[in-house]
């Protein structure tokens, strides 16, 4: 009997030592408050994080450590914790020197025999982490503005109208489009979809778009342009020992004088050409860019009637509508027919509004959409 009691005492002592060690030796600031918010006990990290001495802390409550504007939310957290609720939140702590730091606070009620007797909490200095987060957000915002500035302005004249919609699922997108007027009433329009999304994909997309802008001034053959881009993308990842990526894309050259279109589709979802109640997809004939440095590219030529409309898009639009590409092509062709009376500007607004009705939870990929109305 004596041994059993002795073991229980030792077990209780071990538990007390365990909790005391967890409190005293915690790498973050650990503290115990009474029902009035006065400091009862704390570890050395509380002195470090606040700048106050032990004697100073034991003679004060926690309110002087915070700005007036933060006190309403702190009062709410303090009150709900005393009511038995656990809380975790971020706030700004004012050190004795006046320096402000950002802390993450976790506080729980101290319950003894079913009655709340105080609050035990842990505070972690996350100032550096939060400042880094703010810097990253600013840099992402700047990168997003730069990416938007790369996109071309709409074209509208007596021959053609071209406009686009760019919708990243993150701050940045790997989907890009670009168009440019060439000589003799010819227009080049390209759309790219880089594997993945986010920062790395956006950098690749902007690089490709920048290269295309230079290439289209020197070469007008879509096969030559895509062959060059393919070799460059392949060499880029082979030389840097990075995992292979690939890029799908469509390059369309529209000749408004001869009513003709030539295009190269490199593994991309099929654009749709609608003309005089007939729709025709522009299917892929080639491998995506960047998969093989031996890939060859084939172009296709086709004619069109006056007052035609051509729509290019990325697979994020298909994925967001939860349908397979063939079904979406048929649906898009029907939409183009039903709304052929709309101007190019209003047609692309209609498609964008239709996309905007998709719940946010379903928007898991970047989306680019380009509409081209050919008037003659």
Protein backbone atom coordinates (compact mmCIF):
# COMPACT_ATOMS: atom_id res chain seq x y z
CA UNK A 1 0.00 0.00 0.00
CA UNK A 2 2.76 2.42 0.93
CA UNK A 3 4.63 1.63 -2.28
CA UNK A 4 1.50 2.30 -4.34
CA UNK A 5 0.99 5.73 -2.73
CA UNK A 6 4.70 6.48 -3.13
CA UNK A 7 4.47 5.67 -6.86
CA UNK A 8 1.45 7.95 -7.22
CA UNK A 9 3.34 10.78 -5.56
CA UNK A 10 6.33 10.26 -7.84
CA UNK A 11 4.04 10.16 -10.88
CA UNK A 12 2.40 13.42 -9.82
CA UNK A 13 5.80 15.01 -9.23
CA UNK A 14 6.97 13.90 -12.68
CA UNK A 15 3.88 15.40 -14.28
CA UNK A 16 4.44 18.65 -12.41
CA UNK A 17 8.08 18.72 -13.52
CA UNK A 18 7.02 18.00 -17.09
CA UNK A 19 4.52 20.87 -17.22
CA UNK A 20 6.91 23.18 -15.40
CA UNK A 21 9.67 22.34 -17.88
CA UNK A 22 7.27 22.91 -20.77
CA UNK A 23 6.40 26.33 -19.34
CA UNK A 24 9.82 27.51 -18.15
CA UNK A 25 11.95 26.14 -21.00
CA UNK A 26 9.57 26.96 -23.83
CA UNK A 27 11.52 28.74 -26.61
CA UNK A 28 8.64 31.20 -26.88
CA UNK A 29 7.29 33.54 -24.22
CA UNK A 30 5.10 31.58 -21.76
CA UNK A 31 3.03 33.36 -19.15
CA UNK A 32 0.26 32.91 -16.59
CA UNK A 33 -2.35 35.65 -15.99
CA UNK A 34 -4.86 35.90 -13.17
CA UNK A 35 -8.53 36.77 -13.68
CA UNK A 36 -7.67 40.48 -13.86
CA UNK A 37 -4.94 40.09 -16.47
CA UNK A 38 -2.05 40.52 -14.02
CA UNK A 39 1.15 38.57 -14.59
CA UNK A 40 1.47 35.74 -12.06
CA UNK A 41 4.29 33.72 -13.58
CA UNK A 42 6.32 33.65 -16.79
CA UNK A 43 9.54 32.38 -18.31
CA UNK A 44 12.61 34.43 -19.26
CA UNK A 45 11.42 34.84 -22.85
CA UNK A 46 8.64 37.13 -21.64
CA UNK A 47 11.27 39.52 -20.31
CA UNK A 48 13.16 39.30 -23.61
CA UNK A 49 10.13 39.87 -25.81
CA UNK A 50 8.70 42.76 -23.74
CA UNK A 51 11.91 44.42 -22.53
CA UNK A 52 10.50 44.64 -18.99
CA UNK A 53 12.23 43.13 -15.95
CA UNK A 54 10.72 40.41 -13.81
CA UNK A 55 9.87 42.81 -10.99
CA UNK A 56 8.23 45.24 -13.42
CA UNK A 57 6.12 42.53 -15.03
CA UNK A 58 4.97 41.15 -11.68
CA UNK A 59 3.65 44.58 -10.77
CA UNK A 60 1.61 45.13 -13.94
CA UNK A 61 -1.11 43.66 -16.12
CA UNK A 62 -0.78 43.03 -19.85
CA UNK A 63 -2.64 46.14 -21.10
CA UNK A 64 0.40 48.53 -21.25
CA UNK A 65 2.02 46.15 -23.74
CA UNK A 66 -0.45 47.02 -26.51
CA UNK A 67 -1.66 49.99 -28.54
CA UNK A 68 -5.08 51.48 -27.83
CA UNK A 69 -6.43 50.50 -31.25
CA UNK A 70 -5.68 46.82 -30.53
CA UNK A 71 -7.26 46.75 -27.07
CA UNK A 72 -10.90 46.08 -28.16
CA UNK A 73 -9.93 42.83 -29.88
CA UNK A 74 -7.62 41.92 -26.99
CA UNK A 75 -10.47 42.48 -24.53
CA UNK A 76 -12.67 40.20 -26.61
CA UNK A 77 -9.99 37.47 -26.65
CA UNK A 78 -9.34 37.88 -22.92
CA UNK A 79 -13.05 37.68 -22.08
CA UNK A 80 -13.78 34.65 -24.24
CA UNK A 81 -10.75 32.81 -22.88
CA UNK A 82 -11.96 33.42 -19.32
CA UNK A 83 -15.30 31.99 -20.51
CA UNK A 84 -13.51 28.74 -21.35
CA UNK A 85 -12.60 29.27 -25.01
CA UNK A 86 -9.20 28.70 -26.62
CA UNK A 87 -7.87 31.54 -28.76
CA UNK A 88 -5.11 32.06 -31.29
CA UNK A 89 -4.47 35.41 -32.95
CA UNK A 90 -1.89 37.92 -34.18
CA UNK A 91 -1.36 41.36 -32.68
CA UNK A 92 1.23 44.09 -32.20
CA UNK A 93 3.19 44.24 -28.94
CA UNK A 94 4.84 47.47 -27.78
CA UNK A 95 8.13 46.84 -26.02
CA UNK A 96 9.39 48.95 -23.13
CA UNK A 97 11.59 50.91 -25.56
CA UNK A 98 8.55 51.73 -27.72
CA UNK A 99 9.55 49.32 -30.46
CA UNK A 100 6.59 47.50 -31.99
CA UNK A 101 6.79 43.82 -32.88
CA UNK A 102 4.23 41.42 -34.31
CA UNK A 103 3.40 38.41 -32.17
CA UNK A 104 1.34 35.27 -32.55
CA UNK A 105 -0.56 34.52 -29.34
CA UNK A 106 -2.11 31.26 -28.19
CA UNK A 107 -4.06 31.40 -24.94
CA UNK A 108 -6.13 28.84 -23.07
CA UNK A 109 -8.10 28.96 -19.82
CA UNK A 110 -6.62 27.50 -16.63
CA UNK A 111 -9.40 25.29 -15.27
CA UNK A 112 -9.23 23.89 -11.73
CA UNK A 113 -12.07 21.73 -10.45
CA UNK A 114 -14.25 22.95 -13.31
CA UNK A 115 -13.66 26.63 -12.57
CA UNK A 116 -11.56 29.02 -14.68
CA UNK A 117 -8.85 30.50 -12.47
CA UNK A 118 -6.71 32.34 -15.04
CA UNK A 119 -5.11 32.17 -18.46
CA UNK A 120 -1.93 30.51 -19.67
CA UNK A 121 -0.51 31.73 -22.95
CA UNK A 122 2.36 31.49 -25.40
CA UNK A 123 3.54 34.43 -27.50
CA UNK A 124 5.89 34.08 -30.47
CA UNK A 125 7.70 36.94 -32.17
CA UNK A 126 6.78 36.65 -35.87
CA UNK A 127 7.89 40.14 -36.92
CA UNK A 128 10.50 38.95 -39.41
CA UNK A 129 8.13 36.39 -40.89
CA UNK A 130 5.36 38.96 -41.32
CA UNK A 131 7.71 41.55 -42.81
CA UNK A 132 8.98 38.97 -45.28
CA UNK A 133 5.39 38.13 -46.17
CA UNK A 134 4.61 41.80 -46.78
CA UNK A 135 7.71 42.21 -48.96
CA UNK A 136 6.78 39.11 -50.97
CA UNK A 137 3.24 40.37 -51.44
CA UNK A 138 4.56 43.73 -52.70
CA UNK A 139 6.93 41.97 -55.09
CA UNK A 140 4.13 39.72 -56.35
CA UNK A 141 1.91 42.75 -56.87
CA UNK A 142 4.67 44.48 -58.84
CA UNK A 143 5.28 41.32 -60.90
CA UNK A 144 1.55 41.10 -61.62
CA UNK A 145 1.51 44.70 -62.85
CA UNK A 146 4.52 44.00 -65.07
CA UNK A 147 2.84 40.90 -66.48
CA UNK A 148 -0.33 42.85 -67.23
CA UNK A 149 1.75 45.54 -68.95
CA UNK A 150 3.22 42.90 -71.27
CA UNK A 151 -0.25 42.04 -72.58
CA UNK A 152 -1.17 43.90 -75.78
CA UNK A 153 -3.83 46.58 -76.12
CA UNK A 154 -7.00 45.69 -78.04
CA UNK A 155 -7.00 46.25 -81.80
CA UNK A 156 -10.08 47.69 -83.51
CA UNK A 157 -10.12 48.91 -87.09
CA UNK A 158 -12.09 48.42 -90.31
CA UNK A 159 -10.47 45.03 -90.92
CA UNK A 160 -10.33 43.29 -87.56
CA UNK A 161 -11.03 43.48 -83.84
CA UNK A 162 -8.89 41.63 -81.30
CA UNK A 163 -9.36 41.59 -77.55
CA UNK A 164 -8.48 39.27 -74.68
CA UNK A 165 -9.16 38.33 -71.07
CA UNK A 166 -6.43 37.29 -68.64
CA UNK A 167 -7.48 35.59 -65.37
CA UNK A 168 -4.73 34.09 -63.15
CA UNK A 169 -5.82 31.66 -60.44
CA UNK A 170 -2.89 32.93 -58.33
CA UNK A 171 -1.29 36.38 -58.32
CA UNK A 172 0.65 35.39 -61.44
CA UNK A 173 -0.17 33.24 -64.42
CA UNK A 174 1.66 30.97 -66.85
CA UNK A 175 -0.98 31.70 -69.51
CA UNK A 176 -0.14 34.53 -71.88
CA UNK A 177 -1.35 35.95 -75.15
CA UNK A 178 0.01 38.49 -77.59
CA UNK A 179 -0.90 39.94 -80.97
CA UNK A 180 0.71 42.29 -83.44
CA UNK A 181 -0.17 43.89 -86.76
CA UNK A 182 2.18 42.84 -89.57
CA UNK A 183 2.54 44.31 -93.04
CA UNK A 184 -0.12 44.06 -95.77
CA UNK A 185 -3.11 43.70 -93.48
CA UNK A 186 -1.76 40.61 -91.77
CA UNK A 187 -2.09 39.99 -88.03
CA UNK A 188 -0.27 37.56 -85.77
CA UNK A 189 -2.05 36.23 -82.67
CA UNK A 190 -0.47 33.77 -80.22
CA UNK A 191 -1.65 32.16 -77.00
CA UNK A 192 0.52 30.10 -74.61
CA UNK A 193 -0.18 27.87 -71.64
CA UNK A 194 2.85 26.99 -69.51
CA UNK A 195 2.62 23.80 -67.46
CA UNK A 196 1.62 24.63 -63.88
CA UNK A 197 0.86 28.09 -62.55
CA UNK A 198 2.31 30.66 -60.17
CA UNK A 199 5.65 32.47 -60.14
CA UNK A 200 7.81 29.98 -62.08
CA UNK A 201 5.21 29.50 -64.82
CA UNK A 202 4.70 33.25 -65.13
CA UNK A 203 8.44 33.84 -65.58
CA UNK A 204 8.54 31.24 -68.36
CA UNK A 205 5.44 32.74 -69.96
CA UNK A 206 6.83 36.28 -69.90
CA UNK A 207 10.14 35.05 -71.34
CA UNK A 208 8.37 33.28 -74.20
CA UNK A 209 6.14 36.27 -74.84
CA UNK A 210 9.16 38.59 -74.95
CA UNK A 211 10.95 36.27 -77.38
CA UNK A 212 7.86 36.05 -79.56
CA UNK A 213 7.64 39.85 -79.80
CA UNK A 214 11.16 39.93 -81.23
CA UNK A 215 10.74 36.88 -83.47
CA UNK A 216 7.55 38.12 -85.13
CA UNK A 217 9.44 41.18 -86.40
CA UNK A 218 12.06 38.95 -88.07
CA UNK A 219 10.09 35.85 -89.05
CA UNK A 220 6.48 35.60 -90.17
CA UNK A 221 6.37 31.87 -90.80
CA UNK A 222 4.63 30.26 -87.79
CA UNK A 223 6.58 27.03 -88.27
CA UNK A 224 9.92 28.82 -88.01
CA UNK A 225 8.81 30.73 -84.93
CA UNK A 226 7.54 27.67 -83.05
CA UNK A 227 10.59 25.64 -84.03
CA UNK A 228 12.85 28.31 -82.58
CA UNK A 229 10.79 28.63 -79.40
CA UNK A 230 10.72 24.87 -78.93
CA UNK A 231 14.51 24.58 -79.15
CA UNK A 232 14.98 27.51 -76.77
CA UNK A 233 12.58 26.13 -74.14
CA UNK A 234 14.10 22.65 -74.40
CA UNK A 235 17.69 23.96 -74.10
CA UNK A 236 16.74 26.22 -71.20
CA UNK A 237 15.66 23.33 -68.99
CA UNK A 238 18.27 20.86 -70.18
CA UNK A 239 21.15 23.25 -69.46
CA UNK A 240 19.82 24.21 -66.02
CA UNK A 241 19.15 20.60 -64.97
CA UNK A 242 15.61 21.57 -64.07
CA UNK A 243 12.63 19.21 -64.39
CA UNK A 244 11.32 19.22 -67.95
CA UNK A 245 8.46 21.59 -68.51
CA UNK A 246 6.37 22.10 -71.58
CA UNK A 247 4.28 24.80 -73.15
CA UNK A 248 1.21 24.41 -75.33
CA UNK A 249 0.36 27.16 -77.75
CA UNK A 250 -1.33 28.30 -80.94
CA UNK A 251 0.06 30.85 -83.38
CA UNK A 252 -2.38 32.21 -85.96
CA UNK A 253 -1.51 34.47 -88.90
CA UNK A 254 -4.61 36.17 -90.32
CA UNK A 255 -4.40 37.67 -93.80
CA UNK A 256 -7.27 40.13 -94.19
CA UNK A 257 -6.42 40.87 -97.83
CA UNK A 258 -6.62 37.25 -99.00
CA UNK A 259 -9.18 36.01 -96.45
CA UNK A 260 -6.83 33.28 -95.27
CA UNK A 261 -5.51 31.88 -92.01
CA UNK A 262 -2.40 29.86 -91.37
CA UNK A 263 -1.73 28.40 -87.96
CA UNK A 264 0.43 26.10 -85.88
CA UNK A 265 -1.12 24.34 -82.91
CA UNK A 266 1.42 22.80 -80.50
CA UNK A 267 -0.56 20.50 -78.22
CA UNK A 268 -3.06 23.23 -77.35
CA UNK A 269 -6.83 23.03 -76.95
CA UNK A 270 -8.49 23.73 -80.30
CA UNK A 271 -9.47 27.31 -81.14
CA UNK A 272 -12.81 27.64 -82.92
CA UNK A 273 -13.50 29.57 -86.13
CA UNK A 274 -17.13 30.52 -86.75
CA UNK A 275 -18.24 31.80 -90.14
CA UNK A 276 -21.66 31.86 -91.83
CA UNK A 277 -23.31 29.43 -89.41
CA UNK A 278 -20.43 26.98 -89.71
CA UNK A 279 -17.84 26.30 -87.03
CA UNK A 280 -14.44 24.73 -87.53
CA UNK A 281 -11.91 23.78 -84.83
CA UNK A 282 -8.18 24.35 -85.30
CA UNK A 283 -6.89 21.10 -83.80
CA UNK A 284 -3.40 20.31 -82.58
CA UNK A 285 -1.05 18.83 -85.15
CA UNK A 286 2.15 18.94 -83.13
CA UNK A 287 3.89 18.21 -79.82
CA UNK A 288 3.88 20.89 -77.10
CA UNK A 289 6.91 23.16 -77.02
CA UNK A 290 9.89 22.05 -74.92
CA UNK A 291 9.34 18.28 -74.90
CA UNK A 292 11.89 17.38 -77.57
CA UNK A 293 14.57 19.30 -79.44
CA UNK A 294 13.88 17.06 -82.43
CA UNK A 295 10.22 18.00 -82.70
CA UNK A 296 9.06 19.28 -86.07
CA UNK A 297 6.10 21.56 -86.54
CA UNK A 298 3.47 21.58 -89.24
CA UNK A 299 1.18 24.43 -90.15
CA UNK A 300 -2.26 24.37 -91.67
CA UNK A 301 -3.88 26.88 -93.99
CA UNK A 302 -7.55 27.66 -94.34
CA UNK A 303 -9.81 30.29 -95.82
CA UNK A 304 -12.60 32.17 -94.12
CA UNK A 305 -15.64 34.21 -95.07
CA UNK A 306 -16.09 37.84 -94.24
CA UNK A 307 -17.51 38.60 -90.81
CA UNK A 308 -15.96 35.57 -89.13
CA UNK A 309 -15.02 35.13 -85.51
CA UNK A 310 -12.09 33.16 -84.10
CA UNK A 311 -11.77 32.32 -80.39
CA UNK A 312 -8.58 31.09 -78.71
CA UNK A 313 -8.47 30.00 -75.07
CA UNK A 314 -6.45 27.98 -72.57
CA UNK A 315 -7.54 24.72 -70.93
CA UNK A 316 -8.27 26.45 -67.63
CA UNK A 317 -11.54 27.60 -69.19
CA UNK A 318 -12.46 24.03 -70.13
CA UNK A 319 -11.44 22.69 -66.70
CA UNK A 320 -13.45 25.36 -64.86
CA UNK A 321 -16.59 24.38 -66.76
CA UNK A 322 -15.99 20.71 -65.90
CA UNK A 323 -16.37 19.39 -69.42
CA UNK A 324 -14.09 17.63 -71.90
CA UNK A 325 -12.50 19.67 -74.71
CA UNK A 326 -14.72 18.23 -77.46
CA UNK A 327 -17.86 19.08 -75.52
CA UNK A 328 -16.58 22.58 -74.84
CA UNK A 329 -15.75 23.13 -78.53
CA UNK A 330 -19.34 22.23 -79.40
CA UNK A 331 -20.67 24.48 -76.63
CA UNK A 332 -18.42 27.36 -77.72
CA UNK A 333 -19.52 26.96 -81.36
CA UNK A 334 -23.17 27.17 -80.26
CA UNK A 335 -22.42 30.27 -78.16
CA UNK A 336 -20.65 31.90 -81.11
CA UNK A 337 -23.62 31.22 -83.35
CA UNK A 338 -26.18 32.44 -80.83
CA UNK A 339 -24.24 35.67 -80.24
CA UNK A 340 -22.74 36.37 -83.66
CA UNK A 341 -24.58 39.72 -83.67
CA UNK A 342 -22.47 40.97 -80.75
CA UNK A 343 -19.46 43.18 -81.33
CA UNK A 344 -16.13 41.66 -80.43
CA UNK A 345 -15.98 43.76 -77.24
CA UNK A 346 -19.43 42.67 -76.09
CA UNK A 347 -18.88 39.06 -77.07
CA UNK A 348 -15.75 38.74 -74.94
CA UNK A 349 -17.57 40.48 -72.07
CA UNK A 350 -20.32 37.88 -72.41
CA UNK A 351 -17.80 35.03 -72.19
CA UNK A 352 -16.09 36.65 -69.21
CA UNK A 353 -19.40 37.14 -67.38
CA UNK A 354 -20.25 33.50 -68.04
CA UNK A 355 -16.90 32.48 -66.56
CA UNK A 356 -17.38 34.76 -63.54
CA UNK A 357 -20.43 32.74 -62.49
CA UNK A 358 -18.14 29.79 -61.74
CA UNK A 359 -17.71 29.30 -57.95
CA UNK A 360 -14.26 30.36 -56.68
CA UNK A 361 -13.57 26.82 -55.42
CA UNK A 362 -13.65 25.56 -59.03
CA UNK A 363 -11.11 28.09 -60.34
CA UNK A 364 -8.02 25.91 -60.10
CA UNK A 365 -6.15 26.94 -63.24
CA UNK A 366 -5.19 30.07 -65.12
CA UNK A 367 -7.49 31.23 -67.91
CA UNK A 368 -6.74 33.22 -71.04
CA UNK A 369 -9.33 33.99 -73.69
CA UNK A 370 -8.87 35.82 -76.99
CA UNK A 371 -11.67 36.79 -79.36
CA UNK A 372 -10.99 37.91 -82.94
CA UNK A 373 -13.71 39.36 -85.15
CA UNK A 374 -12.61 39.49 -88.78
CA UNK A 375 -14.63 42.08 -90.68
CA UNK A 376 -13.25 41.58 -94.16
